[in-house]
Amino acid sequence: MISLTLEFEGEERFDERSNTFVTLEPFTVTLTHTLSAVAEWESVYKRSFLETPPQTGEELVYYIQCMSDRPLPRDFVKRLDQTIQVKIADYLSDNATATVLWNPPSNGGPRDTMTSELIYWYMTQLGIPFEADKWNLNRLLTLIRLAAAKQNNQKPDARASAAQRAAMNQARRARTGSRG
């Protein structure tokens, strides 16, 4: 699922502080888990979203706002029940692709902290257009890993090179009448 649409029905609840009934208006919000949403979240919390995801309710609600196609209503937190939280968690963990990489590339050295800026750098190095920052983040990361793996596997095949050199040498010997 590339985006997650949440529909909240209108309802009436009792507000114990004001001792009155409050009407909650219906609304629909579409969430999209993208690199641009992660970059926005990281600009506020100054840490890697992928390595240290939201740890408080406030951080999670802010990330939901970053993913949202419209401002969240004031009563959003009151309506963020367990069912909605599970839907959001499932959406964030969904790979959004059929591609499975069995052995992610690794050079064995120390890893960089995976921040939005590093992901943008990978995009430039691999020729992925910046418009992809609106893609589902898990799908974009899969493309980056796949492109890096394919790029690393484009080393010349030593056996093919040796066979090609042998054929060229044999052709030269035939032209010149040499035996080696």
C-alpha atoms as a PDB file:
ATOM      1  CA  MET A   1       0.000   0.000   0.000  1.00  0.00           C
ATOM      2  CA  ILE A   2       1.595   3.217  -1.184  1.00  0.00           C
ATOM      3  CA  SER A   3      -0.609   5.459   0.970  1.00  0.00           C
ATOM      4  CA  LEU A   4      -2.837   4.851   3.963  1.00  0.00           C
ATOM      5  CA  THR A   5      -6.245   6.501   4.071  1.00  0.00           C
ATOM      6  CA  LEU A   6      -7.845   6.821   7.496  1.00  0.00           C
ATOM      7  CA  GLU A   7     -11.518   7.701   7.756  1.00  0.00           C
ATOM      8  CA  PHE A   8     -12.885   9.013  11.026  1.00  0.00           C
ATOM      9  CA  GLU A   9     -16.630   9.139  11.443  1.00  0.00           C
ATOM     10  CA  GLY A  10     -18.345  11.956  13.242  1.00  0.00           C
ATOM     11  CA  GLU A  11     -19.200  11.168  16.823  1.00  0.00           C
ATOM     12  CA  GLU A  12     -20.304  12.702  20.074  1.00  0.00           C
ATOM     13  CA  ARG A  13     -18.225  12.259  23.232  1.00  0.00           C
ATOM     14  CA  PHE A  14     -18.518  13.436  26.791  1.00  0.00           C
ATOM     15  CA  ASP A  15     -15.807  15.887  27.874  1.00  0.00           C
ATOM     16  CA  GLU A  16     -15.228  15.373  31.587  1.00  0.00           C
ATOM     17  CA  ARG A  17     -13.290  18.632  31.979  1.00  0.00           C
ATOM     18  CA  SER A  18     -16.105  20.836  30.680  1.00  0.00           C
ATOM     19  CA  ASN A  19     -18.844  18.414  31.766  1.00  0.00           C
ATOM     20  CA  THR A  20     -20.478  18.702  28.324  1.00  0.00           C
ATOM     21  CA  PHE A  21     -20.972  16.641  25.204  1.00  0.00           C
ATOM     22  CA  VAL A  22     -18.599  17.482  22.351  1.00  0.00           C
ATOM     23  CA  THR A  23     -19.205  16.759  18.674  1.00  0.00           C
ATOM     24  CA  LEU A  24     -16.221  15.407  16.762  1.00  0.00           C
ATOM     25  CA  GLU A  25     -16.497  16.162  13.050  1.00  0.00           C
ATOM     26  CA  PRO A  26     -15.878  13.440  10.477  1.00  0.00           C
ATOM     27  CA  PHE A  27     -12.652  13.681   8.481  1.00  0.00           C
ATOM     28  CA  THR A  28     -10.431  11.691   6.180  1.00  0.00           C
ATOM     29  CA  VAL A  29      -6.656  11.863   6.097  1.00  0.00           C
ATOM     30  CA  THR A  30      -4.194  10.203   3.730  1.00  0.00           C
ATOM     31  CA  LEU A  31      -0.743   9.315   5.061  1.00  0.00           C
ATOM     32  CA  THR A  32       2.270   8.688   2.828  1.00  0.00           C
ATOM     33  CA  HIS A  33       5.502   7.313   4.364  1.00  0.00           C
ATOM     34  CA  THR A  34       8.120   9.108   2.235  1.00  0.00           C
ATOM     35  CA  LEU A  35      11.674  10.365   2.385  1.00  0.00           C
ATOM     36  CA  SER A  36      10.415  13.955   2.379  1.00  0.00           C
ATOM     37  CA  ALA A  37       8.259  13.186   5.467  1.00  0.00           C
ATOM     38  CA  VAL A  38      11.282  11.613   7.199  1.00  0.00           C
ATOM     39  CA  ALA A  39      13.435  14.653   6.306  1.00  0.00           C
ATOM     40  CA  GLU A  40      10.826  16.966   7.806  1.00  0.00           C
ATOM     41  CA  TRP A  41      10.676  14.896  11.023  1.00  0.00           C
ATOM     42  CA  GLU A  42      14.486  14.746  11.303  1.00  0.00           C
ATOM     43  CA  SER A  43      14.723  18.526  10.885  1.00  0.00           C
ATOM     44  CA  VAL A  44      12.728  18.933  14.096  1.00  0.00           C
ATOM     45  CA  TYR A  45      14.068  16.045  16.227  1.00  0.00           C
ATOM     46  CA  LYS A  46      17.714  16.197  14.993  1.00  0.00           C
ATOM     47  CA  ARG A  47      18.235  12.443  14.875  1.00  0.00           C
ATOM     48  CA  SER A  48      17.936   9.553  12.446  1.00  0.00           C
ATOM     49  CA  PHE A  49      14.334   8.460  11.959  1.00  0.00           C
ATOM     50  CA  LEU A  50      15.358   5.018  10.686  1.00  0.00           C
ATOM     51  CA  GLU A  51      17.778   4.255  13.506  1.00  0.00           C
ATOM     52  CA  THR A  52      15.903   5.986  16.331  1.00  0.00           C
ATOM     53  CA  PRO A  53      12.241   6.164  15.305  1.00  0.00           C
ATOM     54  CA  PRO A  54       9.635   8.192  17.209  1.00  0.00           C
ATOM     55  CA  GLN A  55       9.762   7.197  20.864  1.00  0.00           C
ATOM     56  CA  THR A  56       7.057   9.360  22.412  1.00  0.00           C
ATOM     57  CA  GLY A  57       3.451   9.993  21.516  1.00  0.00           C
ATOM     58  CA  GLU A  58       4.338  13.574  20.600  1.00  0.00           C
ATOM     59  CA  GLU A  59       7.067  12.425  18.182  1.00  0.00           C
ATOM     60  CA  LEU A  60       4.739   9.878  16.582  1.00  0.00           C
ATOM     61  CA  VAL A  61       1.915  12.391  16.150  1.00  0.00           C
ATOM     62  CA  TYR A  62       4.368  14.839  14.580  1.00  0.00           C
ATOM     63  CA  TYR A  63       5.510  12.154  12.106  1.00  0.00           C
ATOM     64  CA  ILE A  64       1.886  11.377  11.294  1.00  0.00           C
ATOM     65  CA  GLN A  65       1.449  15.100  10.567  1.00  0.00           C
ATOM     66  CA  CYS A  66       4.563  14.982   8.332  1.00  0.00           C
ATOM     67  CA  MET A  67       2.988  12.103   6.369  1.00  0.00           C
ATOM     68  CA  SER A  68      -0.460  13.697   6.212  1.00  0.00           C
ATOM     69  CA  ASP A  69      -1.949  15.307   3.123  1.00  0.00           C
ATOM     70  CA  ARG A  70      -3.635  17.957   5.298  1.00  0.00           C
ATOM     71  CA  PRO A  71      -3.320  19.443   8.789  1.00  0.00           C
ATOM     72  CA  LEU A  72      -4.585  17.088  11.469  1.00  0.00           C
ATOM     73  CA  PRO A  73      -7.630  18.268  13.446  1.00  0.00           C
ATOM     74  CA  ARG A  74      -7.119  19.312  17.069  1.00  0.00           C
ATOM     75  CA  ASP A  75      -9.014  16.266  18.300  1.00  0.00           C
ATOM     76  CA  PHE A  76      -6.831  13.830  16.316  1.00  0.00           C
ATOM     77  CA  VAL A  77      -4.949  12.544  19.387  1.00  0.00           C
ATOM     78  CA  LYS A  78      -8.255  11.781  21.143  1.00  0.00           C
ATOM     79  CA  ARG A  79      -9.272   9.675  18.145  1.00  0.00           C
ATOM     80  CA  LEU A  80      -5.952   7.841  17.818  1.00  0.00           C
ATOM     81  CA  ASP A  81      -7.191   4.568  19.298  1.00  0.00           C
ATOM     82  CA  GLN A  82      -5.485   1.153  19.266  1.00  0.00           C
ATOM     83  CA  THR A  83      -7.053   0.131  15.938  1.00  0.00           C
ATOM     84  CA  ILE A  84      -5.737   3.234  14.176  1.00  0.00           C
ATOM     85  CA  GLN A  85      -2.300   2.827  15.782  1.00  0.00           C
ATOM     86  CA  VAL A  86      -2.091  -0.784  14.515  1.00  0.00           C
ATOM     87  CA  LYS A  87      -3.078   0.320  10.992  1.00  0.00           C
ATOM     88  CA  ILE A  88      -0.361   2.991  11.022  1.00  0.00           C
ATOM     89  CA  ALA A  89       2.272   0.586  12.405  1.00  0.00           C
ATOM     90  CA  ASP A  90       1.384  -2.025   9.765  1.00  0.00           C
ATOM     91  CA  TYR A  91       1.591   0.621   7.051  1.00  0.00           C
ATOM     92  CA  LEU A  92       5.010   1.857   8.227  1.00  0.00           C
ATOM     93  CA  SER A  93       6.419  -1.683   8.288  1.00  0.00           C
ATOM     94  CA  ASP A  94       4.999  -2.708   4.889  1.00  0.00           C
ATOM     95  CA  ASN A  95       7.751  -3.054   2.235  1.00  0.00           C
ATOM     96  CA  ALA A  96       5.422  -1.815  -0.532  1.00  0.00           C
ATOM     97  CA  THR A  97       7.333  -3.931  -3.064  1.00  0.00           C
ATOM     98  CA  ALA A  98       7.619  -7.522  -4.238  1.00  0.00           C
ATOM     99  CA  THR A  99      11.414  -7.253  -4.422  1.00  0.00           C
ATOM    100  CA  VAL A 100      13.309  -9.218  -1.795  1.00  0.00           C
ATOM    101  CA  LEU A 101      17.035  -8.718  -1.383  1.00  0.00           C
ATOM    102  CA  TRP A 102      18.578 -11.752   0.243  1.00  0.00           C
ATOM    103  CA  ASN A 103      22.050 -10.376   0.899  1.00  0.00           C
ATOM    104  CA  PRO A 104      22.077  -6.613   1.335  1.00  0.00           C
ATOM    105  CA  PRO A 105      25.366  -5.138   0.128  1.00  0.00           C
ATOM    106  CA  SER A 106      27.897  -4.414   2.842  1.00  0.00           C
ATOM    107  CA  ASN A 107      31.533  -3.444   2.679  1.00  0.00           C
ATOM    108  CA  GLY A 108      32.137  -4.668   6.234  1.00  0.00           C
ATOM    109  CA  GLY A 109      33.318  -1.248   7.408  1.00  0.00           C
ATOM    110  CA  PRO A 110      31.646   1.098   9.852  1.00  0.00           C
ATOM    111  CA  ARG A 111      28.133   2.099   8.865  1.00  0.00           C
ATOM    112  CA  ASP A 112      27.030   5.686   8.442  1.00  0.00           C
ATOM    113  CA  THR A 113      24.038   6.841  10.445  1.00  0.00           C
ATOM    114  CA  MET A 114      21.158   6.491   8.001  1.00  0.00           C
ATOM    115  CA  THR A 115      19.649   9.975   7.786  1.00  0.00           C
ATOM    116  CA  SER A 116      17.522  11.568   5.100  1.00  0.00           C
ATOM    117  CA  GLU A 117      20.574  13.433   3.778  1.00  0.00           C
ATOM    118  CA  LEU A 118      22.464  10.168   3.335  1.00  0.00           C
ATOM    119  CA  ILE A 119      19.511   8.674   1.467  1.00  0.00           C
ATOM    120  CA  TYR A 120      19.451  11.741  -0.819  1.00  0.00           C
ATOM    121  CA  TRP A 121      23.201  11.246  -1.385  1.00  0.00           C
ATOM    122  CA  TYR A 122      22.612   7.605  -2.352  1.00  0.00           C
ATOM    123  CA  MET A 123      19.939   8.790  -4.767  1.00  0.00           C
ATOM    124  CA  THR A 124      22.407  11.155  -6.464  1.00  0.00           C
ATOM    125  CA  GLN A 125      25.123   8.495  -6.619  1.00  0.00           C
ATOM    126  CA  LEU A 126      22.765   5.932  -8.134  1.00  0.00           C
ATOM    127  CA  GLY A 127      21.039   8.334 -10.539  1.00  0.00           C
ATOM    128  CA  ILE A 128      17.649   8.085  -8.814  1.00  0.00           C
ATOM    129  CA  PRO A 129      15.643  11.267  -9.477  1.00  0.00           C
ATOM    130  CA  PHE A 130      14.692  13.405  -6.491  1.00  0.00           C
ATOM    131  CA  GLU A 131      11.007  12.971  -7.360  1.00  0.00           C
ATOM    132  CA  ALA A 132      11.375   9.520  -5.789  1.00  0.00           C
ATOM    133  CA  ASP A 133      11.434  11.204  -2.359  1.00  0.00           C
ATOM    134  CA  LYS A 134       7.621  11.111  -2.611  1.00  0.00           C
ATOM    135  CA  TRP A 135       7.641   7.308  -2.990  1.00  0.00           C
ATOM    136  CA  ASN A 136       6.921   4.977  -0.123  1.00  0.00           C
ATOM    137  CA  LEU A 137      10.137   5.046   1.930  1.00  0.00           C
ATOM    138  CA  ASN A 138      10.494   1.264   2.183  1.00  0.00           C
ATOM    139  CA  ARG A 139      10.127   0.962  -1.584  1.00  0.00           C
ATOM    140  CA  LEU A 140      12.734   3.693  -2.175  1.00  0.00           C
ATOM    141  CA  LEU A 141      15.189   2.009   0.214  1.00  0.00           C
ATOM    142  CA  THR A 142      14.673  -1.288  -1.615  1.00  0.00           C
ATOM    143  CA  LEU A 143      15.440   0.426  -4.928  1.00  0.00           C
ATOM    144  CA  ILE A 144      18.603   1.956  -3.448  1.00  0.00           C
ATOM    145  CA  ARG A 145      19.777  -1.428  -2.127  1.00  0.00           C
ATOM    146  CA  LEU A 146      18.934  -3.097  -5.441  1.00  0.00           C
ATOM    147  CA  ALA A 147      20.702  -0.414  -7.518  1.00  0.00           C
ATOM    148  CA  ALA A 148      23.778  -0.588  -5.282  1.00  0.00           C
ATOM    149  CA  ALA A 149      23.868  -4.390  -5.519  1.00  0.00           C
ATOM    150  CA  LYS A 150      23.490  -4.305  -9.312  1.00  0.00           C
ATOM    151  CA  GLN A 151      26.155  -1.625  -9.587  1.00  0.00           C
ATOM    152  CA  ASN A 152      28.567  -3.691  -7.467  1.00  0.00           C
ATOM    153  CA  ASN A 153      27.898  -6.803  -9.567  1.00  0.00           C
ATOM    154  CA  GLN A 154      28.870  -5.137 -12.857  1.00  0.00           C
ATOM    155  CA  LYS A 155      32.515  -6.082 -12.481  1.00  0.00           C
ATOM    156  CA  PRO A 156      33.938  -7.737 -15.593  1.00  0.00           C
ATOM    157  CA  ASP A 157      33.747 -11.520 -15.585  1.00  0.00           C
ATOM    158  CA  ALA A 158      37.368 -12.756 -15.389  1.00  0.00           C
ATOM    159  CA  ARG A 159      36.633 -15.940 -17.367  1.00  0.00           C
ATOM    160  CA  ALA A 160      34.952 -14.010 -20.195  1.00  0.00           C
ATOM    161  CA  SER A 161      37.862 -11.540 -20.305  1.00  0.00           C
ATOM    162  CA  ALA A 162      40.415 -14.374 -20.447  1.00  0.00           C
ATOM    163  CA  ALA A 163      38.519 -16.115 -23.246  1.00  0.00           C
ATOM    164  CA  GLN A 164      38.271 -12.844 -25.157  1.00  0.00           C
ATOM    165  CA  ARG A 165      42.028 -12.208 -24.782  1.00  0.00           C
ATOM    166  CA  ALA A 166      42.831 -15.785 -25.931  1.00  0.00           C
ATOM    167  CA  ALA A 167      40.660 -15.341 -29.030  1.00  0.00           C
ATOM    168  CA  MET A 168      42.348 -12.013 -29.853  1.00  0.00           C
ATOM    169  CA  ASN A 169      45.821 -13.580 -29.434  1.00  0.00           C
ATOM    170  CA  GLN A 170      44.881 -16.521 -31.660  1.00  0.00           C
ATOM    171  CA  ALA A 171      43.620 -14.118 -34.362  1.00  0.00           C
ATOM    172  CA  ARG A 172      46.880 -12.112 -34.194  1.00  0.00           C
ATOM    173  CA  ARG A 173      48.977 -15.278 -34.487  1.00  0.00           C
ATOM    174  CA  ALA A 174      46.931 -16.398 -37.478  1.00  0.00           C
ATOM    175  CA  ARG A 175      47.393 -13.008 -39.190  1.00  0.00           C
ATOM    176  CA  THR A 176      51.144 -12.927 -38.645  1.00  0.00           C
ATOM    177  CA  GLY A 177      51.794 -16.637 -39.065  1.00  0.00           C
ATOM    178  CA  SER A 178      53.343 -16.754 -35.587  1.00  0.00           C
ATOM    179  CA  ARG A 179      53.135 -19.711 -33.246  1.00  0.00           C
ATOM    180  CA  GLY A 180      53.172 -17.699 -30.056  1.00  0.00           C
END
